């Protein structure tokens, strides 16, 4: 059962008395850091009751550190305020040429708006509507207008060398299905390994499926001997253990963007009953094109929930760039988005001179923010008009998102709503916690150290100290 969070408690509960030193780590936290081999100087911590005017605990709080995905709190909070929780992205589709008796003698054009969550199912529904409106054949190409963003070519392997990792997908004004490919594996009743692609891609057919093997299901991806040199015809030289049952491999950027879109649209047009045999080309929609329909995204409040609960990097970047786009800067880029975000922070008494946003999602070696500044943001959010949407977007410890498994069965389950951050040499957690005295506090923990991955026990000790369990 979830712990109760009375809506009025932040205003009704008296502030906790400050006890002892506020500038030294609690003994349990310090001991956990020593066991992990992490110096206290590598950590920034702030714990502050929401009713208190000063922190209960504040250690190295002014030091700018890499926050990893904790940085997503900034663009999502700013977007909820600047754009509103009900904001939706709209993706229009145009006919470039004459449309007569169901035949388009020209191109079908999509204009990207930066929708962070335009999925294959959404495009299928849009195409199905066009078919119901009478479109049955396209004699030209699919024209994609990506002019809303001005971005350098994205190298998905540049950050950490893993070009196929879904978290390394880059932003795009017309991003569809996160450029991701899910491959499902399962043993079949006739002794083979069944393979299915999601979304469906025209021409996807494994050139050599893995053989069905025996034994334990250990490191199953490595055992496949996968070769994605030809992504639509992958080869698997290894085996897949029957004991693995059904497994999923999520890949990002397996194909060049337009190749992926061509294969995806090929499958979706066929499913919708529209004949198309052209290519995908980039360009601007010319004057005089005829608007046929448009797709409206999920509301921003839902987008923000997906970003913060599951720490989706490319969605956060899309929202970050949209801040600039909606402020009148077209095409948008990261520098302009950063300037718009800083301007908003400055105008709302949240100026952060040491802030380094870079791409707005925290997938960066250069991003920086202090624990003090994260605390100020969290406190402002709690008292602001979009508090319900913002707080609800944070993972609930032991129940969902990136805090589901980490705190499942823990005495902290249900008491913490927080954003996680994890990179090489970085772990971070920031959000809200309910104490044993039924008081709410903000807390921020940023650890930057080569042994940071071993710092979670210290963060757990900090939360137990804050809640009153230690």
Protein backbone atom coordinates (compact mmCIF):
# COMPACT_ATOMS: atom_id res chain seq x y z
CA UNK A 1 0.00 0.00 0.00
CA UNK A 2 1.35 3.45 -0.87
CA UNK A 3 2.29 5.75 1.97
CA UNK A 4 -0.17 8.61 2.38
CA UNK A 5 0.95 12.01 1.16
CA UNK A 6 -1.59 14.49 2.61
CA UNK A 7 -2.01 17.33 0.14
CA UNK A 8 -2.01 19.90 2.92
CA UNK A 9 0.91 18.62 4.96
CA UNK A 10 3.58 20.81 3.32
CA UNK A 11 1.75 23.88 4.57
CA UNK A 12 0.39 22.48 7.84
CA UNK A 13 3.30 20.57 9.37
CA UNK A 14 5.74 22.51 11.55
CA UNK A 15 9.33 22.66 10.31
CA UNK A 16 11.70 20.07 11.71
CA UNK A 17 14.15 21.51 14.19
CA UNK A 18 17.67 21.60 12.82
CA UNK A 19 19.87 19.30 14.85
CA UNK A 20 23.63 19.36 15.09
CA UNK A 21 25.89 20.34 12.21
CA UNK A 22 24.29 20.95 8.84
CA UNK A 23 27.58 20.98 6.91
CA UNK A 24 28.77 17.44 7.68
CA UNK A 25 27.51 14.18 6.21
CA UNK A 26 25.59 11.91 8.59
CA UNK A 27 27.79 9.08 9.93
CA UNK A 28 25.89 6.40 8.03
CA UNK A 29 26.37 8.26 4.75
CA UNK A 30 30.03 8.94 5.42
CA UNK A 31 30.59 5.27 6.28
CA UNK A 32 28.92 4.12 3.05
CA UNK A 33 31.14 6.44 1.04
CA UNK A 34 34.27 5.10 2.77
CA UNK A 35 33.24 1.52 1.98
CA UNK A 36 32.80 2.53 -1.65
CA UNK A 37 36.16 4.31 -1.76
CA UNK A 38 34.52 7.63 -2.66
CA UNK A 39 35.86 10.78 -0.96
CA UNK A 40 33.29 13.03 0.69
CA UNK A 41 34.63 15.90 -1.41
CA UNK A 42 33.19 14.18 -4.51
CA UNK A 43 29.63 14.49 -3.17
CA UNK A 44 27.15 17.34 -2.99
CA UNK A 45 24.14 16.95 -0.73
CA UNK A 46 21.22 19.17 0.26
CA UNK A 47 18.23 18.15 2.38
CA UNK A 48 15.71 20.86 3.18
CA UNK A 49 12.21 20.56 4.66
CA UNK A 50 9.74 22.35 2.43
CA UNK A 51 8.59 24.55 5.32
CA UNK A 52 12.12 25.41 6.44
CA UNK A 53 13.96 28.53 5.33
CA UNK A 54 17.34 26.83 5.47
CA UNK A 55 18.63 23.32 4.86
CA UNK A 56 18.72 20.59 7.42
CA UNK A 57 21.83 19.31 5.64
CA UNK A 58 24.04 21.11 3.14
CA UNK A 59 27.43 19.73 2.06
CA UNK A 60 29.51 20.99 -0.92
CA UNK A 61 26.20 22.28 -2.28
CA UNK A 62 27.56 25.20 -4.32
CA UNK A 63 29.96 23.04 -6.37
CA UNK A 64 28.79 22.61 -9.98
CA UNK A 65 28.79 18.89 -10.80
CA UNK A 66 27.66 16.65 -13.62
CA UNK A 67 24.05 15.67 -12.76
CA UNK A 68 23.55 13.09 -15.54
CA UNK A 69 19.81 12.67 -16.15
CA UNK A 70 18.81 14.70 -13.10
CA UNK A 71 19.30 17.58 -15.53
CA UNK A 72 16.02 16.55 -17.23
CA UNK A 73 14.21 18.26 -14.35
CA UNK A 74 15.04 21.66 -15.84
CA UNK A 75 13.65 21.48 -19.40
CA UNK A 76 10.62 19.48 -18.29
CA UNK A 77 9.74 21.95 -15.53
CA UNK A 78 10.36 24.98 -17.75
CA UNK A 79 8.28 23.44 -20.56
CA UNK A 80 5.33 22.73 -18.26
CA UNK A 81 5.37 26.40 -17.26
CA UNK A 82 6.20 27.99 -20.61
CA UNK A 83 4.06 25.78 -22.86
CA UNK A 84 1.43 24.51 -20.42
CA UNK A 85 0.57 20.91 -19.47
CA UNK A 86 -2.00 20.63 -22.29
CA UNK A 87 0.42 21.70 -25.07
CA UNK A 88 0.48 19.35 -28.07
CA UNK A 89 2.83 19.08 -31.04
CA UNK A 90 1.08 18.97 -34.43
CA UNK A 91 2.49 17.15 -37.45
CA UNK A 92 0.73 18.20 -40.66
CA UNK A 93 0.71 16.21 -43.89
CA UNK A 94 0.35 17.87 -47.31
CA UNK A 95 -0.29 16.91 -50.90
CA UNK A 96 2.34 18.42 -53.19
CA UNK A 97 0.64 17.97 -56.53
CA UNK A 98 -2.79 17.19 -57.88
CA UNK A 99 -4.99 14.69 -56.07
CA UNK A 100 -7.64 13.20 -58.34
CA UNK A 101 -9.71 10.04 -58.00
CA UNK A 102 -7.54 8.87 -55.09
CA UNK A 103 -4.26 9.27 -56.96
CA UNK A 104 -1.72 11.86 -55.81
CA UNK A 105 0.35 12.95 -58.82
CA UNK A 106 3.21 14.26 -56.75
CA UNK A 107 4.67 13.98 -53.27
CA UNK A 108 3.12 13.40 -49.88
CA UNK A 109 4.82 15.78 -47.43
CA UNK A 110 5.20 15.60 -43.66
CA UNK A 111 6.27 18.70 -41.72
CA UNK A 112 8.11 17.83 -38.52
CA UNK A 113 7.28 19.87 -35.44
CA UNK A 114 9.63 18.12 -33.00
CA UNK A 115 7.01 15.76 -31.56
CA UNK A 116 8.92 13.73 -28.92
CA UNK A 117 6.55 10.77 -29.11
CA UNK A 118 5.45 10.31 -32.74
CA UNK A 119 5.15 6.54 -32.93
CA UNK A 120 4.62 4.06 -35.74
CA UNK A 121 1.07 3.45 -34.53
CA UNK A 122 0.36 7.19 -34.77
CA UNK A 123 1.60 7.33 -38.36
CA UNK A 124 -0.46 4.24 -39.21
CA UNK A 125 -3.59 5.93 -37.84
CA UNK A 126 -2.81 9.07 -39.81
CA UNK A 127 -2.28 7.09 -43.02
CA UNK A 128 -5.42 5.07 -42.39
CA UNK A 129 -7.39 8.31 -42.14
CA UNK A 130 -5.91 9.45 -45.46
CA UNK A 131 -6.99 6.17 -47.00
CA UNK A 132 -10.49 6.60 -45.61
CA UNK A 133 -10.52 10.12 -47.05
CA UNK A 134 -9.88 8.51 -50.44
CA UNK A 135 -6.10 8.46 -50.99
CA UNK A 136 -5.15 5.14 -52.54
CA UNK A 137 -1.96 5.79 -54.53
CA UNK A 138 1.03 8.13 -54.39
CA UNK A 139 2.92 8.52 -57.64
CA UNK A 140 5.71 10.59 -56.09
CA UNK A 141 7.98 10.53 -53.04
CA UNK A 142 7.50 11.17 -49.36
CA UNK A 143 8.88 14.62 -48.66
CA UNK A 144 10.02 15.23 -45.09
CA UNK A 145 10.38 18.83 -43.93
CA UNK A 146 12.79 18.91 -40.97
CA UNK A 147 13.38 22.68 -41.11
CA UNK A 148 12.06 23.27 -37.57
CA UNK A 149 15.43 22.22 -36.13
CA UNK A 150 18.95 23.19 -37.20
CA UNK A 151 21.17 20.43 -35.86
CA UNK A 152 24.60 19.12 -36.72
CA UNK A 153 24.68 15.56 -38.10
CA UNK A 154 24.24 13.15 -35.21
CA UNK A 155 26.78 10.39 -34.56
CA UNK A 156 25.04 7.89 -32.25
CA UNK A 157 28.34 6.29 -31.29
CA UNK A 158 30.11 9.52 -30.36
CA UNK A 159 29.14 9.56 -26.67
CA UNK A 160 30.27 6.13 -25.57
CA UNK A 161 30.92 4.09 -28.70
CA UNK A 162 27.62 2.19 -28.55
CA UNK A 163 25.96 3.33 -31.78
CA UNK A 164 23.13 0.82 -31.43
CA UNK A 165 22.09 1.85 -27.90
CA UNK A 166 18.56 3.26 -27.81
CA UNK A 167 19.66 5.98 -25.37
CA UNK A 168 22.07 7.36 -28.00
CA UNK A 169 19.40 8.24 -30.59
CA UNK A 170 19.62 11.90 -31.59
CA UNK A 171 16.83 14.47 -31.95
CA UNK A 172 15.04 15.24 -35.20
CA UNK A 173 12.17 17.54 -36.13
CA UNK A 174 10.47 14.47 -37.65
CA UNK A 175 11.48 11.78 -35.17
CA UNK A 176 9.40 8.63 -35.63
CA UNK A 177 9.35 5.77 -33.14
CA UNK A 178 12.61 7.05 -31.62
CA UNK A 179 14.38 5.62 -34.70
CA UNK A 180 14.26 2.43 -32.66
CA UNK A 181 13.87 -1.19 -33.63
CA UNK A 182 12.66 -3.80 -31.20
CA UNK A 183 13.55 -7.38 -32.14
CA UNK A 184 11.62 -10.12 -30.36
CA UNK A 185 13.10 -13.60 -29.98
CA UNK A 186 11.20 -16.71 -28.91
CA UNK A 187 11.50 -20.49 -29.36
CA UNK A 188 8.90 -21.94 -31.74
CA UNK A 189 7.03 -25.22 -31.45
CA UNK A 190 8.92 -26.63 -34.44
CA UNK A 191 12.34 -26.14 -32.85
CA UNK A 192 13.39 -22.85 -34.42
CA UNK A 193 13.97 -19.34 -33.10
CA UNK A 194 11.18 -16.98 -34.10
CA UNK A 195 12.20 -13.38 -34.81
CA UNK A 196 9.84 -10.43 -35.22
CA UNK A 197 10.52 -6.73 -35.78
CA UNK A 198 8.54 -3.98 -34.05
CA UNK A 199 7.66 -1.65 -35.69
CA UNK A 200 7.19 -3.61 -38.91
CA UNK A 201 9.79 -2.68 -41.51
CA UNK A 202 9.35 -3.43 -45.19
CA UNK A 203 12.07 -5.83 -46.30
CA UNK A 204 13.07 -6.96 -42.79
CA UNK A 205 14.14 -10.60 -43.02
CA UNK A 206 17.01 -12.09 -41.01
CA UNK A 207 19.53 -13.58 -43.42
CA UNK A 208 20.60 -16.18 -40.88
CA UNK A 209 18.54 -16.75 -37.72
CA UNK A 210 20.23 -18.17 -34.62
CA UNK A 211 19.96 -21.86 -33.91
CA UNK A 212 17.95 -23.01 -30.91
CA UNK A 213 20.30 -24.14 -28.17
CA UNK A 214 20.27 -25.75 -24.73
CA UNK A 215 21.56 -24.59 -21.41
CA UNK A 216 20.99 -21.59 -19.19
CA UNK A 217 19.90 -18.21 -20.49
CA UNK A 218 23.05 -16.24 -19.64
CA UNK A 219 24.29 -13.23 -21.60
CA UNK A 220 21.85 -14.20 -24.33
CA UNK A 221 22.60 -11.21 -26.57
CA UNK A 222 26.30 -12.02 -26.63
CA UNK A 223 25.51 -15.65 -27.47
CA UNK A 224 23.57 -14.68 -30.60
CA UNK A 225 26.66 -13.70 -32.60
CA UNK A 226 24.67 -10.81 -34.08
CA UNK A 227 25.83 -8.92 -37.16
CA UNK A 228 23.81 -5.80 -38.00
CA UNK A 229 25.95 -4.69 -40.94
CA UNK A 230 22.80 -5.08 -43.08
CA UNK A 231 20.14 -4.02 -40.52
CA UNK A 232 17.19 -5.24 -42.58
CA UNK A 233 18.88 -8.61 -43.04
CA UNK A 234 20.73 -9.22 -39.75
CA UNK A 235 22.75 -12.40 -39.32
CA UNK A 236 22.97 -14.43 -36.12
CA UNK A 237 25.83 -16.87 -36.14
CA UNK A 238 25.29 -18.10 -32.59
CA UNK A 239 22.60 -19.79 -30.55
CA UNK A 240 19.55 -18.81 -28.54
CA UNK A 241 18.85 -20.96 -25.50
CA UNK A 242 15.34 -22.38 -25.29
CA UNK A 243 15.36 -21.55 -21.58
CA UNK A 244 15.38 -17.84 -22.48
CA UNK A 245 11.73 -18.00 -23.47
CA UNK A 246 10.73 -14.65 -24.97
CA UNK A 247 13.34 -11.88 -24.98
CA UNK A 248 13.52 -8.38 -26.47
CA UNK A 249 16.50 -6.51 -27.92
CA UNK A 250 15.91 -2.77 -28.29
CA UNK A 251 18.15 -1.11 -30.87
CA UNK A 252 18.50 2.56 -31.70
CA UNK A 253 19.81 4.03 -34.95
CA UNK A 254 20.31 0.59 -36.51
CA UNK A 255 19.57 2.13 -39.92
CA UNK A 256 20.30 5.59 -41.32
CA UNK A 257 17.32 7.79 -40.49
CA UNK A 258 15.82 8.02 -43.98
CA UNK A 259 16.42 4.31 -44.63
CA UNK A 260 14.58 3.49 -41.41
CA UNK A 261 11.74 5.84 -42.35
CA UNK A 262 11.53 4.36 -45.86
CA UNK A 263 11.25 0.81 -44.51
CA UNK A 264 8.75 1.88 -41.86
CA UNK A 265 6.55 3.83 -44.26
CA UNK A 266 6.71 0.99 -46.77
CA UNK A 267 5.14 -1.32 -44.20
CA UNK A 268 2.62 1.25 -42.93
CA UNK A 269 1.42 2.31 -46.40
CA UNK A 270 0.86 -1.36 -47.25
CA UNK A 271 -1.11 -1.91 -44.05
CA UNK A 272 -3.22 1.20 -44.70
CA UNK A 273 -3.93 0.14 -48.28
CA UNK A 274 -2.06 2.97 -50.01
CA UNK A 275 0.18 2.14 -52.96
CA UNK A 276 3.57 3.89 -52.71
CA UNK A 277 6.81 2.98 -54.44
CA UNK A 278 8.83 6.16 -54.16
CA UNK A 279 11.65 7.35 -51.92
CA UNK A 280 11.99 9.41 -48.75
CA UNK A 281 13.52 12.80 -49.52
CA UNK A 282 14.32 15.83 -47.41
CA UNK A 283 13.08 19.26 -48.40
CA UNK A 284 10.77 22.15 -47.69
CA UNK A 285 7.06 22.00 -48.39
CA UNK A 286 6.50 24.38 -51.32
CA UNK A 287 3.91 27.16 -51.30
CA UNK A 288 0.58 26.02 -52.60
CA UNK A 289 0.73 22.54 -51.09
CA UNK A 290 -2.64 21.27 -49.90
CA UNK A 291 -3.11 20.41 -46.23
CA UNK A 292 -4.65 16.94 -45.98
CA UNK A 293 -4.59 16.21 -42.26
CA UNK A 294 -2.44 16.53 -39.14
CA UNK A 295 -1.52 14.45 -36.13
CA UNK A 296 -1.73 15.86 -32.59
CA UNK A 297 0.68 14.46 -30.03
CA UNK A 298 -0.01 13.40 -26.49
CA UNK A 299 -0.28 16.40 -24.12
CA UNK A 300 2.95 17.71 -22.67
CA UNK A 301 2.03 16.48 -19.17
CA UNK A 302 2.10 12.89 -20.47
CA UNK A 303 5.30 13.52 -22.43
CA UNK A 304 7.00 14.84 -19.28
CA UNK A 305 5.90 11.76 -17.34
CA UNK A 306 7.49 9.50 -19.94
CA UNK A 307 10.70 11.54 -19.92
CA UNK A 308 11.22 11.67 -16.17
CA UNK A 309 9.88 8.26 -15.19
CA UNK A 310 11.91 6.40 -17.81
CA UNK A 311 14.72 8.92 -18.37
CA UNK A 312 14.22 9.11 -22.14
CA UNK A 313 17.12 11.12 -23.56
CA UNK A 314 15.87 11.92 -27.05
CA UNK A 315 12.41 12.94 -25.79
CA UNK A 316 14.05 15.37 -23.36
CA UNK A 317 16.12 16.84 -26.19
CA UNK A 318 13.01 17.26 -28.34
CA UNK A 319 11.27 19.16 -25.51
CA UNK A 320 14.38 21.26 -24.91
CA UNK A 321 14.54 22.29 -28.57
CA UNK A 322 10.80 22.98 -28.56
CA UNK A 323 11.37 25.66 -25.91
CA UNK A 324 13.29 27.65 -28.52
CA UNK A 325 10.88 26.81 -31.33
CA UNK A 326 7.84 27.98 -29.39
CA UNK A 327 9.67 31.12 -28.30
CA UNK A 328 9.89 32.12 -31.97
CA UNK A 329 13.36 30.84 -32.82
CA UNK A 330 13.03 28.84 -36.03
CA UNK A 331 15.02 26.80 -36.76
CA UNK A 332 15.80 25.79 -33.20
CA UNK A 333 19.18 24.59 -31.99
CA UNK A 334 20.67 23.66 -28.63
CA UNK A 335 22.36 27.02 -28.08
CA UNK A 336 19.11 28.91 -28.63
CA UNK A 337 17.19 26.46 -26.46
CA UNK A 338 19.72 27.00 -23.69
CA UNK A 339 19.36 30.76 -23.98
CA UNK A 340 15.56 30.51 -23.78
CA UNK A 341 15.79 28.25 -20.72
CA UNK A 342 18.22 30.61 -18.98
CA UNK A 343 16.01 33.58 -19.76
CA UNK A 344 13.05 31.81 -18.21
CA UNK A 345 15.04 30.88 -15.11
CA UNK A 346 16.34 34.44 -14.75
CA UNK A 347 12.87 35.92 -15.04
CA UNK A 348 11.52 33.57 -12.36
CA UNK A 349 14.17 34.28 -9.71
CA UNK A 350 16.01 31.03 -10.50
CA UNK A 351 19.16 32.40 -12.13
CA UNK A 352 21.88 29.73 -12.30
CA UNK A 353 25.19 31.29 -13.46
CA UNK A 354 27.10 28.00 -13.24
CA UNK A 355 24.52 25.97 -15.16
CA UNK A 356 25.72 24.10 -18.27
CA UNK A 357 22.74 22.58 -20.12
CA UNK A 358 24.38 21.46 -23.39
CA UNK A 359 21.70 19.18 -24.94
CA UNK A 360 19.20 19.44 -22.09
CA UNK A 361 18.98 15.73 -21.27
CA UNK A 362 22.09 15.06 -19.19
CA UNK A 363 23.70 12.66 -21.67
CA UNK A 364 26.82 14.78 -21.54
CA UNK A 365 30.27 14.94 -20.01
CA UNK A 366 30.05 18.73 -19.83
CA UNK A 367 26.64 19.38 -18.22
CA UNK A 368 26.89 21.01 -14.80
CA UNK A 369 24.59 22.20 -12.04
CA UNK A 370 24.97 22.62 -8.28
CA UNK A 371 22.94 20.86 -5.62
CA UNK A 372 21.88 24.30 -4.38
CA UNK A 373 20.37 25.13 -7.77
CA UNK A 374 18.55 21.80 -8.07
CA UNK A 375 17.13 22.41 -4.59
CA UNK A 376 15.89 25.86 -5.58
CA UNK A 377 14.19 24.39 -8.65
CA UNK A 378 12.50 21.64 -6.64
CA UNK A 379 11.23 24.09 -4.03
CA UNK A 380 9.93 26.48 -6.68
CA UNK A 381 8.20 23.60 -8.46
CA UNK A 382 6.46 22.49 -5.27
CA UNK A 383 4.95 25.95 -4.79
CA UNK A 384 4.19 26.57 -8.48
CA UNK A 385 1.07 26.09 -10.61
CA UNK A 386 2.30 22.95 -12.40
CA UNK A 387 3.31 21.16 -9.21
CA UNK A 388 0.85 18.24 -9.69
CA UNK A 389 2.07 17.46 -13.21
CA UNK A 390 5.75 17.92 -12.34
CA UNK A 391 5.77 15.86 -9.14
CA UNK A 392 3.65 13.11 -10.72
CA UNK A 393 6.25 12.79 -13.48
CA UNK A 394 8.93 11.64 -11.04
CA UNK A 395 9.45 7.92 -10.43
CA UNK A 396 7.90 6.63 -7.22
CA UNK A 397 10.40 4.56 -5.25
CA UNK A 398 9.60 0.86 -5.38
CA UNK A 399 6.67 1.24 -7.75
CA UNK A 400 7.52 2.60 -11.19
CA UNK A 401 10.02 4.12 -13.60
CA UNK A 402 13.72 4.04 -12.89
CA UNK A 403 13.08 3.60 -9.13
CA UNK A 404 10.90 0.52 -9.51
CA UNK A 405 13.44 -2.23 -8.87
CA UNK A 406 15.97 -0.20 -6.90
CA UNK A 407 13.63 0.34 -3.94
CA UNK A 408 11.18 -2.54 -4.34
CA UNK A 409 10.57 -4.03 -0.90
CA UNK A 410 12.57 -1.26 0.77
CA UNK A 411 11.19 0.69 3.75
CA UNK A 412 11.66 3.73 1.49
CA UNK A 413 9.15 2.41 -1.06
CA UNK A 414 6.35 4.90 -1.60
CA UNK A 415 8.12 7.65 0.36
CA UNK A 416 10.38 9.02 -2.37
CA UNK A 417 9.61 10.66 -5.71
CA UNK A 418 12.85 11.45 -7.49
CA UNK A 419 14.76 11.69 -10.74
CA UNK A 420 17.74 9.40 -11.19
CA UNK A 421 20.98 10.17 -12.97
CA UNK A 422 23.63 7.64 -14.01
CA UNK A 423 26.68 7.98 -16.24
CA UNK A 424 30.22 6.70 -16.08
CA UNK A 425 31.68 8.41 -12.97
CA UNK A 426 28.28 9.93 -12.05
CA UNK A 427 25.32 8.92 -9.91
CA UNK A 428 22.66 11.36 -8.80
CA UNK A 429 19.21 11.45 -7.26
CA UNK A 430 16.99 14.46 -6.60
CA UNK A 431 13.38 14.95 -5.64
CA UNK A 432 10.99 14.82 -2.70
CA UNK A 433 10.83 12.57 0.35
CA UNK A 434 8.22 12.09 3.07
CA UNK A 435 9.66 11.67 6.54
CA UNK A 436 8.55 9.51 9.44
CA UNK A 437 7.24 12.71 11.07
CA UNK A 438 4.93 13.18 8.05
CA UNK A 439 7.02 16.10 6.80
CA UNK A 440 8.18 16.60 3.25
CA UNK A 441 11.67 17.58 2.25
CA UNK A 442 13.53 18.16 -0.96
CA UNK A 443 16.77 16.27 -1.30
CA UNK A 444 19.61 16.32 -3.80
CA UNK A 445 22.62 14.01 -3.99
CA UNK A 446 25.25 14.40 -6.73
CA UNK A 447 28.32 12.13 -6.80
CA UNK A 448 31.10 12.64 -9.35
CA UNK A 449 33.93 10.15 -8.94
CA UNK A 450 35.50 7.24 -10.86
CA UNK A 451 33.87 4.94 -8.27
CA UNK A 452 30.51 6.71 -8.37
CA UNK A 453 28.63 3.57 -9.45
CA UNK A 454 29.28 2.23 -5.94
CA UNK A 455 27.69 5.31 -4.35
CA UNK A 456 24.08 4.11 -4.26
CA UNK A 457 24.44 2.71 -0.75
CA UNK A 458 25.42 6.20 0.41
CA UNK A 459 22.36 7.71 -1.28
CA UNK A 460 20.19 5.02 0.32
CA UNK A 461 21.70 5.92 3.70
CA UNK A 462 21.00 9.61 3.04
CA UNK A 463 17.34 8.87 2.30
CA UNK A 464 16.97 6.74 5.42
CA UNK A 465 18.54 9.54 7.45
CA UNK A 466 16.12 12.05 5.90
CA UNK A 467 13.08 9.84 6.45
CA UNK A 468 14.10 9.09 10.01
CA UNK A 469 14.95 5.41 9.56
CA UNK A 470 18.61 5.83 10.53
